[in-house]
Amino acid sequence: MNCTGVVAQRAVNDMIEAIIEELREEGGFTLPSFGTFTVCETKARQAVNPRTGEPVEVSAGRTVRFKASPGLKQAV
């Protein structure tokens, strides 16, 4: 691929924005031969502050999970 760093950075940023938009709208995104990103709900839970040892409450929320495709796993 013959392009400048600026052009490459712009392409990567555009792709990331498209993935984020798809995750927000559809809850998932598959990039063939790479893997699948899925939005998952997390439950509220108790955790421990590693510095103080104090218990802290972690609120419910959403996170993104990634599952690599078999081709990506084999390549790595």
PDB file of N, CA and C in Angstrom:
ATOM      1  N   MET A   1       0.857  -1.169   0.000  1.00  0.00           N
ATOM      2  CA  MET A   1       0.000   0.000   0.000  1.00  0.00           C
ATOM      3  C   MET A   1       0.901   1.228   0.000  1.00  0.00           C
ATOM      4  N   ASN A   2       0.648   2.127  -0.886  1.00  0.00           N
ATOM      5  CA  ASN A   2       1.494   3.306  -1.040  1.00  0.00           C
ATOM      6  C   ASN A   2       0.699   4.551  -0.645  1.00  0.00           C
ATOM      7  N   CYS A   3       0.792   4.940   0.634  1.00  0.00           N
ATOM      8  CA  CYS A   3       0.105   6.149   1.093  1.00  0.00           C
ATOM      9  C   CYS A   3       0.903   6.766   2.238  1.00  0.00           C
ATOM     10  N   THR A   4       0.614   8.018   2.512  1.00  0.00           N
ATOM     11  CA  THR A   4       1.313   8.720   3.582  1.00  0.00           C
ATOM     12  C   THR A   4       0.749   8.302   4.936  1.00  0.00           C
ATOM     13  N   GLY A   5       1.482   8.618   5.980  1.00  0.00           N
ATOM     14  CA  GLY A   5       1.013   8.327   7.329  1.00  0.00           C
ATOM     15  C   GLY A   5      -0.272   9.052   7.657  1.00  0.00           C
ATOM     16  N   VAL A   6      -0.418  10.261   7.150  1.00  0.00           N
ATOM     17  CA  VAL A   6      -1.630  11.050   7.403  1.00  0.00           C
ATOM     18  C   VAL A   6      -2.837  10.374   6.770  1.00  0.00           C
ATOM     19  N   VAL A   7      -2.689   9.916   5.536  1.00  0.00           N
ATOM     20  CA  VAL A   7      -3.789   9.247   4.834  1.00  0.00           C
ATOM     21  C   VAL A   7      -4.135   7.934   5.540  1.00  0.00           C
ATOM     22  N   ALA A   8      -3.125   7.190   5.948  1.00  0.00           N
ATOM     23  CA  ALA A   8      -3.360   5.930   6.654  1.00  0.00           C
ATOM     24  C   ALA A   8      -4.071   6.179   7.979  1.00  0.00           C
ATOM     25  N   GLN A   9      -3.649   7.201   8.722  1.00  0.00           N
ATOM     26  CA  GLN A   9      -4.281   7.525   9.999  1.00  0.00           C
ATOM     27  C   GLN A   9      -5.739   7.916   9.800  1.00  0.00           C
ATOM     28  N   ARG A  10      -6.019   8.674   8.767  1.00  0.00           N
ATOM     29  CA  ARG A  10      -7.390   9.080   8.466  1.00  0.00           C
ATOM     30  C   ARG A  10      -8.250   7.853   8.145  1.00  0.00           C
ATOM     31  N   ALA A  11      -7.696   6.912   7.382  1.00  0.00           N
ATOM     32  CA  ALA A  11      -8.436   5.696   7.035  1.00  0.00           C
ATOM     33  C   ALA A  11      -8.739   4.865   8.283  1.00  0.00           C
ATOM     34  N   VAL A  12      -7.766   4.739   9.167  1.00  0.00           N
ATOM     35  CA  VAL A  12      -7.967   3.986  10.406  1.00  0.00           C
ATOM     36  C   VAL A  12      -9.020   4.669  11.273  1.00  0.00           C
ATOM     37  N   ASN A  13      -8.945   5.979  11.413  1.00  0.00           N
ATOM     38  CA  ASN A  13      -9.932   6.722  12.210  1.00  0.00           C
ATOM     39  C   ASN A  13     -11.331   6.561  11.641  1.00  0.00           C
ATOM     40  N   ASP A  14     -11.468   6.623  10.310  1.00  0.00           N
ATOM     41  CA  ASP A  14     -12.778   6.447   9.673  1.00  0.00           C
ATOM     42  C   ASP A  14     -13.332   5.051   9.944  1.00  0.00           C
ATOM     43  N   MET A  15     -12.468   4.048   9.892  1.00  0.00           N
ATOM     44  CA  MET A  15     -12.906   2.677  10.143  1.00  0.00           C
ATOM     45  C   MET A  15     -13.352   2.510  11.589  1.00  0.00           C
ATOM     46  N   ILE A  16     -12.601   3.067  12.526  1.00  0.00           N
ATOM     47  CA  ILE A  16     -12.971   2.977  13.939  1.00  0.00           C
ATOM     48  C   ILE A  16     -14.310   3.668  14.186  1.00  0.00           C
ATOM     49  N   GLU A  17     -14.514   4.833  13.596  1.00  0.00           N
ATOM     50  CA  GLU A  17     -15.791   5.540  13.743  1.00  0.00           C
ATOM     51  C   GLU A  17     -16.939   4.709  13.193  1.00  0.00           C
ATOM     52  N   ALA A  18     -16.732   4.040  12.053  1.00  0.00           N
ATOM     53  CA  ALA A  18     -17.776   3.203  11.459  1.00  0.00           C
ATOM     54  C   ALA A  18     -18.102   2.011  12.363  1.00  0.00           C
ATOM     55  N   ILE A  19     -17.084   1.403  12.960  1.00  0.00           N
ATOM     56  CA  ILE A  19     -17.311   0.276  13.867  1.00  0.00           C
ATOM     57  C   ILE A  19     -18.089   0.736  15.094  1.00  0.00           C
ATOM     58  N   ILE A  20     -17.715   1.870  15.675  1.00  0.00           N
ATOM     59  CA  ILE A  20     -18.414   2.393  16.853  1.00  0.00           C
ATOM     60  C   ILE A  20     -19.873   2.686  16.526  1.00  0.00           C
ATOM     61  N   GLU A  21     -20.122   3.298  15.385  1.00  0.00           N
ATOM     62  CA  GLU A  21     -21.498   3.606  14.984  1.00  0.00           C
ATOM     63  C   GLU A  21     -22.313   2.323  14.829  1.00  0.00           C
ATOM     64  N   GLU A  22     -21.732   1.308  14.217  1.00  0.00           N
ATOM     65  CA  GLU A  22     -22.428   0.034  14.028  1.00  0.00           C
ATOM     66  C   GLU A  22     -22.694  -0.647  15.371  1.00  0.00           C
ATOM     67  N   LEU A  23     -21.744  -0.579  16.295  1.00  0.00           N
ATOM     68  CA  LEU A  23     -21.953  -1.157  17.620  1.00  0.00           C
ATOM     69  C   LEU A  23     -23.094  -0.454  18.345  1.00  0.00           C
ATOM     70  N   ARG A  24     -23.156   0.861  18.241  1.00  0.00           N
ATOM     71  CA  ARG A  24     -24.236   1.617  18.891  1.00  0.00           C
ATOM     72  C   ARG A  24     -25.592   1.282  18.287  1.00  0.00           C
ATOM     73  N   GLU A  25     -25.656   1.189  16.959  1.00  0.00           N
ATOM     74  CA  GLU A  25     -26.936   0.978  16.277  1.00  0.00           C
ATOM     75  C   GLU A  25     -27.385  -0.480  16.275  1.00  0.00           C
ATOM     76  N   GLU A  26     -26.459  -1.410  16.057  1.00  0.00           N
ATOM     77  CA  GLU A  26     -26.817  -2.812  15.869  1.00  0.00           C
ATOM     78  C   GLU A  26     -26.407  -3.723  17.021  1.00  0.00           C
ATOM     79  N   GLY A  27     -25.496  -3.265  17.868  1.00  0.00           N
ATOM     80  CA  GLY A  27     -25.055  -4.089  18.986  1.00  0.00           C
ATOM     81  C   GLY A  27     -23.962  -5.085  18.637  1.00  0.00           C
ATOM     82  N   GLY A  28     -23.486  -5.055  17.399  1.00  0.00           N
ATOM     83  CA  GLY A  28     -22.423  -5.971  17.003  1.00  0.00           C
ATOM     84  C   GLY A  28     -21.860  -5.598  15.650  1.00  0.00           C
ATOM     85  N   PHE A  29     -20.674  -6.129  15.369  1.00  0.00           N
ATOM     86  CA  PHE A  29     -20.010  -5.843  14.097  1.00  0.00           C
ATOM     87  C   PHE A  29     -19.051  -6.984  13.791  1.00  0.00           C
ATOM     88  N   THR A  30     -19.137  -7.528  12.577  1.00  0.00           N
ATOM     89  CA  THR A  30     -18.234  -8.596  12.156  1.00  0.00           C
ATOM     90  C   THR A  30     -17.346  -8.098  11.041  1.00  0.00           C
ATOM     91  N   LEU A  31     -16.062  -8.274  11.217  1.00  0.00           N
ATOM     92  CA  LEU A  31     -15.077  -7.959  10.193  1.00  0.00           C
ATOM     93  C   LEU A  31     -14.576  -9.307   9.673  1.00  0.00           C
ATOM     94  N   PRO A  32     -15.018  -9.715   8.471  1.00  0.00           N
ATOM     95  CA  PRO A  32     -14.672 -11.042   7.960  1.00  0.00           C
ATOM     96  C   PRO A  32     -13.165 -11.295   8.006  1.00  0.00           C
ATOM     97  N   SER A  33     -12.809 -12.508   8.329  1.00  0.00           N
ATOM     98  CA  SER A  33     -11.423 -12.972   8.447  1.00  0.00           C
ATOM     99  C   SER A  33     -10.665 -12.305   9.590  1.00  0.00           C
ATOM    100  N   PHE A  34     -11.359 -11.528  10.429  1.00  0.00           N
ATOM    101  CA  PHE A  34     -10.706 -10.879  11.563  1.00  0.00           C
ATOM    102  C   PHE A  34     -11.393 -11.264  12.862  1.00  0.00           C
ATOM    103  N   GLY A  35     -12.698 -10.959  12.980  1.00  0.00           N
ATOM    104  CA  GLY A  35     -13.414 -11.314  14.192  1.00  0.00           C
ATOM    105  C   GLY A  35     -14.705 -10.544  14.348  1.00  0.00           C
ATOM    106  N   THR A  36     -15.340 -10.739  15.506  1.00  0.00           N
ATOM    107  CA  THR A  36     -16.633 -10.134  15.788  1.00  0.00           C
ATOM    108  C   THR A  36     -16.571  -9.338  17.082  1.00  0.00           C
ATOM    109  N   PHE A  37     -17.088  -8.113  17.024  1.00  0.00           N
ATOM    110  CA  PHE A  37     -17.233  -7.250  18.188  1.00  0.00           C
ATOM    111  C   PHE A  37     -18.700  -7.303  18.602  1.00  0.00           C
ATOM    112  N   THR A  38     -18.974  -7.475  19.899  1.00  0.00           N
ATOM    113  CA  THR A  38     -20.340  -7.558  20.392  1.00  0.00           C
ATOM    114  C   THR A  38     -20.481  -6.691  21.637  1.00  0.00           C
ATOM    115  N   VAL A  39     -21.583  -5.943  21.728  1.00  0.00           N
ATOM    116  CA  VAL A  39     -21.880  -5.155  22.925  1.00  0.00           C
ATOM    117  C   VAL A  39     -22.574  -6.070  23.925  1.00  0.00           C
ATOM    118  N   CYS A  40     -22.076  -6.103  25.161  1.00  0.00           N
ATOM    119  CA  CYS A  40     -22.641  -6.939  26.216  1.00  0.00           C
ATOM    120  C   CYS A  40     -23.003  -6.071  27.418  1.00  0.00           C
ATOM    121  N   GLU A  41     -24.100  -6.431  28.060  1.00  0.00           N
ATOM    122  CA  GLU A  41     -24.514  -5.756  29.288  1.00  0.00           C
ATOM    123  C   GLU A  41     -23.761  -6.377  30.461  1.00  0.00           C
ATOM    124  N   THR A  42     -23.300  -5.550  31.386  1.00  0.00           N
ATOM    125  CA  THR A  42     -22.652  -6.052  32.594  1.00  0.00           C
ATOM    126  C   THR A  42     -23.537  -5.744  33.794  1.00  0.00           C
ATOM    127  N   LYS A  43     -23.535  -6.633  34.760  1.00  0.00           N
ATOM    128  CA  LYS A  43     -24.336  -6.450  35.968  1.00  0.00           C
ATOM    129  C   LYS A  43     -23.556  -5.623  36.985  1.00  0.00           C
ATOM    130  N   ALA A  44     -24.296  -4.985  37.880  1.00  0.00           N
ATOM    131  CA  ALA A  44     -23.655  -4.298  39.007  1.00  0.00           C
ATOM    132  C   ALA A  44     -22.985  -5.362  39.871  1.00  0.00           C
ATOM    133  N   ARG A  45     -21.847  -5.010  40.455  1.00  0.00           N
ATOM    134  CA  ARG A  45     -21.120  -5.990  41.255  1.00  0.00           C
ATOM    135  C   ARG A  45     -20.240  -5.303  42.282  1.00  0.00           C
ATOM    136  N   GLN A  46     -19.779  -6.093  43.220  1.00  0.00           N
ATOM    137  CA  GLN A  46     -18.826  -5.623  44.221  1.00  0.00           C
ATOM    138  C   GLN A  46     -17.420  -5.934  43.712  1.00  0.00           C
ATOM    139  N   ALA A  47     -16.503  -5.017  43.906  1.00  0.00           N
ATOM    140  CA  ALA A  47     -15.101  -5.225  43.562  1.00  0.00           C
ATOM    141  C   ALA A  47     -14.260  -4.726  44.730  1.00  0.00           C
ATOM    142  N   VAL A  48     -12.953  -4.882  44.614  1.00  0.00           N
ATOM    143  CA  VAL A  48     -12.043  -4.449  45.671  1.00  0.00           C
ATOM    144  C   VAL A  48     -11.043  -3.469  45.084  1.00  0.00           C
ATOM    145  N   ASN A  49     -10.886  -2.323  45.754  1.00  0.00           N
ATOM    146  CA  ASN A  49      -9.874  -1.353  45.357  1.00  0.00           C
ATOM    147  C   ASN A  49      -8.512  -1.973  45.660  1.00  0.00           C
ATOM    148  N   PRO A  50      -7.665  -2.192  44.632  1.00  0.00           N
ATOM    149  CA  PRO A  50      -6.391  -2.872  44.877  1.00  0.00           C
ATOM    150  C   PRO A  50      -5.413  -2.076  45.744  1.00  0.00           C
ATOM    151  N   ARG A  51      -5.552  -0.767  45.801  1.00  0.00           N
ATOM    152  CA  ARG A  51      -4.641   0.053  46.619  1.00  0.00           C
ATOM    153  C   ARG A  51      -5.015   0.045  48.094  1.00  0.00           C
ATOM    154  N   THR A  52      -6.330   0.112  48.359  1.00  0.00           N
ATOM    155  CA  THR A  52      -6.770   0.237  49.747  1.00  0.00           C
ATOM    156  C   THR A  52      -7.377  -1.041  50.308  1.00  0.00           C
ATOM    157  N   GLY A  53      -7.786  -1.948  49.435  1.00  0.00           N
ATOM    158  CA  GLY A  53      -8.454  -3.160  49.891  1.00  0.00           C
ATOM    159  C   GLY A  53      -9.917  -2.944  50.219  1.00  0.00           C
ATOM    160  N   GLU A  54     -10.407  -1.705  50.043  1.00  0.00           N
ATOM    161  CA  GLU A  54     -11.805  -1.401  50.341  1.00  0.00           C
ATOM    162  C   GLU A  54     -12.730  -1.982  49.280  1.00  0.00           C
ATOM    163  N   PRO A  55     -13.897  -2.469  49.702  1.00  0.00           N
ATOM    164  CA  PRO A  55     -14.879  -2.900  48.708  1.00  0.00           C
ATOM    165  C   PRO A  55     -15.484  -1.673  48.017  1.00  0.00           C
ATOM    166  N   VAL A  56     -15.712  -1.777  46.728  1.00  0.00           N
ATOM    167  CA  VAL A  56     -16.345  -0.702  45.967  1.00  0.00           C
ATOM    168  C   VAL A  56     -17.457  -1.294  45.117  1.00  0.00           C
ATOM    169  N   GLU A  57     -18.482  -0.490  44.878  1.00  0.00           N
ATOM    170  CA  GLU A  57     -19.610  -0.909  44.054  1.00  0.00           C
ATOM    171  C   GLU A  57     -19.335  -0.497  42.614  1.00  0.00           C
ATOM    172  N   VAL A  58     -19.392  -1.455  41.699  1.00  0.00           N
ATOM    173  CA  VAL A  58     -19.238  -1.176  40.274  1.00  0.00           C
ATOM    174  C   VAL A  58     -20.632  -1.228  39.671  1.00  0.00           C
ATOM    175  N   SER A  59     -21.058  -0.131  39.050  1.00  0.00           N
ATOM    176  CA  SER A  59     -22.415  -0.066  38.518  1.00  0.00           C
ATOM    177  C   SER A  59     -22.553  -0.892  37.241  1.00  0.00           C
ATOM    178  N   ALA A  60     -23.788  -1.226  36.916  1.00  0.00           N
ATOM    179  CA  ALA A  60     -24.083  -1.954  35.678  1.00  0.00           C
ATOM    180  C   ALA A  60     -23.729  -1.068  34.496  1.00  0.00           C
ATOM    181  N   GLY A  61     -23.437  -1.676  33.388  1.00  0.00           N
ATOM    182  CA  GLY A  61     -23.078  -0.893  32.210  1.00  0.00           C
ATOM    183  C   GLY A  61     -23.005  -1.759  30.971  1.00  0.00           C
ATOM    184  N   ARG A  62     -22.300  -1.248  29.997  1.00  0.00           N
ATOM    185  CA  ARG A  62     -22.119  -1.970  28.739  1.00  0.00           C
ATOM    186  C   ARG A  62     -20.632  -2.020  28.417  1.00  0.00           C
ATOM    187  N   THR A  63     -20.223  -3.108  27.796  1.00  0.00           N
ATOM    188  CA  THR A  63     -18.834  -3.260  27.383  1.00  0.00           C
ATOM    189  C   THR A  63     -18.802  -3.940  26.022  1.00  0.00           C
ATOM    190  N   VAL A  64     -17.655  -3.907  25.385  1.00  0.00           N
ATOM    191  CA  VAL A  64     -17.501  -4.541  24.078  1.00  0.00           C
ATOM    192  C   VAL A  64     -16.624  -5.773  24.239  1.00  0.00           C
ATOM    193  N   ARG A  65     -17.086  -6.869  23.699  1.00  0.00           N
ATOM    194  CA  ARG A  65     -16.320  -8.118  23.682  1.00  0.00           C
ATOM    195  C   ARG A  65     -15.847  -8.363  22.249  1.00  0.00           C
ATOM    196  N   PHE A  66     -14.704  -9.031  22.122  1.00  0.00           N
ATOM    197  CA  PHE A  66     -14.172  -9.365  20.805  1.00  0.00           C
ATOM    198  C   PHE A  66     -13.886 -10.850  20.749  1.00  0.00           C
ATOM    199  N   LYS A  67     -14.328 -11.491  19.669  1.00  0.00           N
ATOM    200  CA  LYS A  67     -14.013 -12.896  19.432  1.00  0.00           C
ATOM    201  C   LYS A  67     -13.276 -12.982  18.110  1.00  0.00           C
ATOM    202  N   ALA A  68     -12.051 -13.454  18.161  1.00  0.00           N
ATOM    203  CA  ALA A  68     -11.224 -13.566  16.959  1.00  0.00           C
ATOM    204  C   ALA A  68     -11.747 -14.678  16.061  1.00  0.00           C
ATOM    205  N   SER A  69     -11.622 -14.464  14.751  1.00  0.00           N
ATOM    206  CA  SER A  69     -12.027 -15.488  13.789  1.00  0.00           C
ATOM    207  C   SER A  69     -11.012 -16.629  13.812  1.00  0.00           C
ATOM    208  N   PRO A  70     -11.415 -17.818  13.358  1.00  0.00           N
ATOM    209  CA  PRO A  70     -10.455 -18.925  13.292  1.00  0.00           C
ATOM    210  C   PRO A  70      -9.228 -18.583  12.441  1.00  0.00           C
ATOM    211  N   GLY A  71      -9.424 -17.860  11.349  1.00  0.00           N
ATOM    212  CA  GLY A  71      -8.299 -17.479  10.495  1.00  0.00           C
ATOM    213  C   GLY A  71      -7.303 -16.583  11.207  1.00  0.00           C
ATOM    214  N   LEU A  72      -7.806 -15.643  12.013  1.00  0.00           N
ATOM    215  CA  LEU A  72      -6.920 -14.758  12.773  1.00  0.00           C
ATOM    216  C   LEU A  72      -6.163 -15.551  13.832  1.00  0.00           C
ATOM    217  N   LYS A  73      -6.868 -16.449  14.518  1.00  0.00           N
ATOM    218  CA  LYS A  73      -6.215 -17.271  15.540  1.00  0.00           C
ATOM    219  C   LYS A  73      -5.095 -18.107  14.938  1.00  0.00           C
ATOM    220  N   GLN A  74      -5.348 -18.666  13.771  1.00  0.00           N
ATOM    221  CA  GLN A  74      -4.345 -19.501  13.119  1.00  0.00           C
ATOM    222  C   GLN A  74      -3.148 -18.670  12.657  1.00  0.00           C
ATOM    223  N   ALA A  75      -3.404 -17.457  12.189  1.00  0.00           N
ATOM    224  CA  ALA A  75      -2.333 -16.598  11.688  1.00  0.00           C
ATOM    225  C   ALA A  75      -1.403 -16.136  12.801  1.00  0.00           C
ATOM    226  N   VAL A  76      -1.952 -16.005  13.992  1.00  0.00           N
ATOM    227  CA  VAL A  76      -1.158 -15.535  15.124  1.00  0.00           C
ATOM    228  C   VAL A  76      -0.521 -16.724  15.790  1.00  0.00           C
TER     229      VAL A  76
END
